[in-house]
Amino acid sequence: MKTFMFVLVSAVALLFTSALARPTEENHNLKEIIDLAERYNKSLQRDSFVENVLGLAEAGCNNKFLCKVHDILEKHDNFTKRRNQEKIVRNLKYYIDGTKDNCTELLKNEPAPVRWTTVPDLLECLVKCVRMINYERVTKSNA
């Protein structure tokens, strides 16, 4: 009888902890951005340069950062001509539109670029920020 109770309590505890560990509200657009950016980064040459947005990322990975990355990638010639890369730009737009923020307003006082980086480095920064945003969304929804 004691063994049965121990097994029963263990099973309930295991089910309960696995339910807590599972994310509940991961944004589909953000998840797809991560997948596409990581896949694209593996195939990309490091000879294409874009504006460095590390300062915006370090300021909190907010919508201003996402708007700036969207703006950079949308204007990048090689980026929007490929299907998967175009999906990254589209998913960024869908996510930003869902937040009701106005990118033009957010970026109107943004200074001219001073530093440059490669597209893969920009995408790595984007992936880190998107993961952080998704983590914060999941954490808030579980609270």
Foldseek 3Di string as FASTA:
>chain_A
DVVVVVVVVVVVVVVVVVVLVDFDDFDPLLVLLLVLLVVVLVVDDQPAKWFDPVVVLVVPLDLLSLLVLLVGQVPDVVQCVDDSSVSNSVSSVVVSVVVVDDNCVSCVPPDDGDDMGGPSVSSVSSNVSSVVVRVVVRVVVSD
